[in-house]
Amino acid sequence: MLSCKEKKTEELPFSKSKTLQLKYAEGFTVSENNGVKVITVTKPWPKASKSYKYLVASKETLSKMTFPAGYYDGVITDEIEKIVVTSTTHIPSLELLGEEQKLVGFPGTDYISSKKTRELINNGNVRELGKNEGINTEVLLDINPDVVVGFGIDGVNKTFETIKKANIPVIYHGGWVESTALGKAEWIKFFGVLLNKEKEADSIFSKIEADYLEAKALAKNAKNRPTVLSGAMTKDVWHLPNGDSPEAQFLKDANVNYLWNDSSGNGSLYLSFEAVLDKAKDADIWLSPSYYRSLNQLEEANPLYTKFDAFKNKEIYSFTNTVGETGGNLYYELGAARPDLILKDLIKISHPELLENYQPYFFKKFDN
C-alpha cells in the first residue's frame, strides 16, 4: 500500500482486506488491511444519492501514501487527540469507549445531558460551536480538531464544506437513518474504528445486544398484553409511530398490543383526532404524548385529551421530564445507544411484575 500508484490505490491495499462484521447496521461498512481502514458510509441520510468513503490510518502511514485528489471524501488519522461531534447521539459512544476527554467542541452544548460530558463543558474543555446548520467556523478552526463527525438531513451541509477546505476532515455519521434499534446502537463500532477501539466497541455492543434480547425474551412471559396509544396532536394532525418503525418494534418486543401495529411504513402515521379517539379511547396505556410534560399541560392544550381512559386513569408515560441540568433530553441523547434500557422501561410500564426491582431510566409517569 505504501508504494501504490494512483491507478492502483483501491486495488492493492484492499484486495485481501478484512471486513468489519456488522449484524444489524446497514448504513456503513469497514474494510481493513495492515492497519489501513476504509469506512464507507452508504446511507448518510435518507435517499442519499452517493456513498462517502473515508481513509483512516496512522500519521506515519498517511505520510507515505499517494492517491488522487478527491479519491476519498476524507483522510483521517487513527491517532485522534481532538474530536468534534455534532449530535448528542454521538456523546454516548465517546463515553462508552472512555474517550469523552477528546471532545473539544460541540454545536449547542446546552443540549448535552450526560453528567460526565457536562463536567468537561463546565470546566471549559469543550468549546461552544453555535448551531449545527451554521457552525462557528472561526472557533472550530481555532480548535483545529483531528476530525469532525457530522450528520446530514437531506444533503451536504455547506458549513462542512468550508471546514473541509481548511484541511479538517469531516465524516458523516448516519446512525439515525437505521431502521432498527439495534442497528442504531451498532454504530458504536463506527467510533471504535475511528478511535482505534474496535475490540472494545464490539464487546460493548455485544453486551447491549444480549441485554436487549434477554429483555425481549422475558417480555414473552407476560400474562397480559395491555393496549397502547402513542403520540399526540400537532396542530390538527395526530402523529404516532408506523407499524414498521423502530418505535413500534420496541412495543412489539415489549409484548404489548400497539393499536397501530398492523400499519406499514417506517416513519409516522398522520391521523385525525377522531380516528385516534375511535380506536384508542379505551387504551390501557398512553406513551410519549409529544412534548407535553404533565396531565395539566395536555388538558390545557386540548380538553378532548381527557376523553381517553389512559388520561382518566393517569396511565400516561413519557421521557420529556428526564432532562439534564441545562435542559437537554436524555432519551434523545442516550436512547439510540442503549435500546436495552428503552425496552426495559417499556416492559416495566407494561408488565411491572416481570421487572420488580427495575427503575425506569427514561420514562416517567404523569402525576398531574
Foldseek 3Di string as FASTA:
>chain_A
DLPDDAVCVVPPQQVPWDKDDDDAADQWIWTDGPQKIKIKGRPLEPPDPGIAIEIEHAPVSVVRDDYDPPPHLYYFYLQWQAEEEEFLQVQVLCVLLVNLLNYAEYAPVLQHFDPVNVVCVVVNRYYHQHHLLAGNVVVVVVVLGREYEYGDHHDDRVVQVVVVVVVRHYHRDRLVRGQALLNSQLCSCVVCSSNVNNVSSVVLSVVLVVLQVVLLVLLVPFPDAFEEAEEADDVFWTKDFALSGNVNVLSVSNRHHHQRNVGDDHGIDIHGPVVCCVRQQAGQAYEYHDLDDALVVVCVVPVCVCSRVCSVVQRYKYLNPCGHPSRHGVCSNCVSNRVSLVSVLSNCSGPVVSPVPDDRDRMDTHDD
